[in-house]
Protein backbone atom coordinates (compact mmCIF):
# COMPACT_ATOMS: atom_id res chain seq x y z
CA UNK A 1 1.49 7.38 -13.88
CA UNK A 2 0.73 4.52 -11.51
CA UNK A 3 -0.40 2.22 -14.30
CA UNK A 4 2.90 2.78 -16.11
CA UNK A 5 4.76 1.61 -13.00
CA UNK A 6 2.51 -1.35 -12.25
CA UNK A 7 4.81 -3.83 -14.03
CA UNK A 8 7.56 -2.96 -11.49
CA UNK A 9 5.47 -4.02 -8.46
CA UNK A 10 6.79 -7.62 -8.37
CA UNK A 11 10.37 -6.30 -8.50
CA UNK A 12 9.73 -4.05 -5.49
CA UNK A 13 8.35 -6.95 -3.48
CA UNK A 14 11.31 -9.16 -4.45
CA UNK A 15 13.96 -6.54 -3.62
CA UNK A 16 12.40 -5.18 -0.44
CA UNK A 17 13.46 -7.56 2.32
CA UNK A 18 12.02 -5.58 5.22
CA UNK A 19 8.57 -4.29 6.03
CA UNK A 20 8.86 -0.48 5.84
CA UNK A 21 5.35 0.57 6.94
CA UNK A 22 2.63 -1.10 8.94
CA UNK A 23 -0.81 0.24 9.84
CA UNK A 24 -3.92 -1.26 11.45
CA UNK A 25 -7.32 0.43 11.26
CA UNK A 26 -10.88 -0.40 12.26
CA UNK A 27 -13.04 0.46 9.26
CA UNK A 28 -16.33 -0.67 7.77
CA UNK A 29 -15.77 -3.26 5.04
CA UNK A 30 -18.32 -4.96 2.82
CA UNK A 31 -18.43 -8.68 3.64
CA UNK A 32 -20.73 -11.43 2.53
CA UNK A 33 -22.51 -12.83 5.59
CA UNK A 34 -25.28 -15.43 5.30
CA UNK A 35 -25.73 -14.96 1.54
CA UNK A 36 -25.97 -11.16 1.69
CA UNK A 37 -23.55 -8.24 1.69
CA UNK A 38 -23.22 -6.20 4.90
CA UNK A 39 -20.84 -3.52 6.10
CA UNK A 40 -18.99 -4.83 9.12
CA UNK A 41 -16.50 -3.03 11.37
CA UNK A 42 -13.30 -5.01 10.82
CA UNK A 43 -9.56 -4.72 11.39
CA UNK A 44 -7.74 -3.86 8.17
CA UNK A 45 -3.95 -4.26 7.93
CA UNK A 46 -1.76 -2.29 5.51
CA UNK A 47 1.83 -3.27 4.71
CA UNK A 48 4.20 -0.91 2.89
CA UNK A 49 7.37 -1.91 1.03
CA UNK A 50 9.87 0.54 -0.47
CA UNK A 51 12.60 -0.31 -2.98
CA UNK A 52 14.85 1.41 -5.50
CA UNK A 53 14.55 -0.19 -8.94
CA UNK A 54 17.23 0.17 -11.64
CA UNK A 55 19.20 2.54 -9.35
CA UNK A 56 16.88 5.46 -10.14
CA UNK A 57 13.21 4.67 -9.51
CA UNK A 58 12.04 4.65 -5.90
CA UNK A 59 8.63 3.03 -5.43
CA UNK A 60 6.35 2.18 -2.55
CA UNK A 61 3.97 -0.78 -2.74
CA UNK A 62 1.02 -1.13 -0.36
CA UNK A 63 -0.53 -4.51 0.39
CA UNK A 64 -3.95 -4.66 2.10
CA UNK A 65 -5.34 -7.45 4.27
CA UNK A 66 -8.83 -7.53 5.73
CA UNK A 67 -8.87 -9.57 8.95
CA UNK A 68 -9.55 -13.19 8.13
CA UNK A 69 -8.90 -12.72 4.42
CA UNK A 70 -6.07 -12.85 1.92
CA UNK A 71 -3.47 -10.18 1.27
CA UNK A 72 -3.81 -8.32 -2.02
CA UNK A 73 -2.20 -5.48 -3.94
CA UNK A 74 -3.60 -2.08 -2.93
CA UNK A 75 -1.44 0.67 -4.44
CA UNK A 76 1.86 1.67 -6.03
CA UNK A 77 3.30 5.10 -5.28
CA UNK A 78 6.20 6.76 -7.11
CA UNK A 79 8.55 8.78 -4.93
CA UNK A 80 10.11 11.64 -6.84
CA UNK A 81 9.29 15.08 -5.43
CA UNK A 82 9.86 17.05 -2.25
CA UNK A 83 8.69 20.53 -1.38
CA UNK A 84 11.01 23.50 -0.83
CA UNK A 85 11.75 22.50 2.77
CA UNK A 86 12.69 18.99 1.64
CA UNK A 87 10.14 17.40 3.97
CA UNK A 88 6.93 16.71 2.07
CA UNK A 89 6.86 13.72 -0.25
CA UNK A 90 4.31 12.36 -2.67
CA UNK A 91 2.99 9.98 -0.03
CA UNK A 92 2.06 11.19 3.43
CA UNK A 93 2.23 8.00 5.51
CA UNK A 94 -1.49 7.22 5.56
CA UNK A 95 -1.44 3.80 3.90
CA UNK A 96 -5.18 3.69 3.29
CA UNK A 97 -5.31 6.96 1.33
CA UNK A 98 -1.87 6.87 -0.34
């Protein structure tokens, strides 16, 4: 499902003018240090953007940035279902796992 929606990711980033979600975590990330790969505890930033495309498709795009590195695409999440109480959505708010 996510691969089918991947072509809409640039549209979401163009139409979403505000940052909807922001999360910072300290996690172990593989980095190349002195010609070898090590796991280093580093700040990781997640940015979430939500937009409605073609007046019917609501998508969330997550961009990941490891401290000192470039931002890159992390995930695309469709938003279409809620549970019986109308509270639970497809994504939970944890930007690393969504």
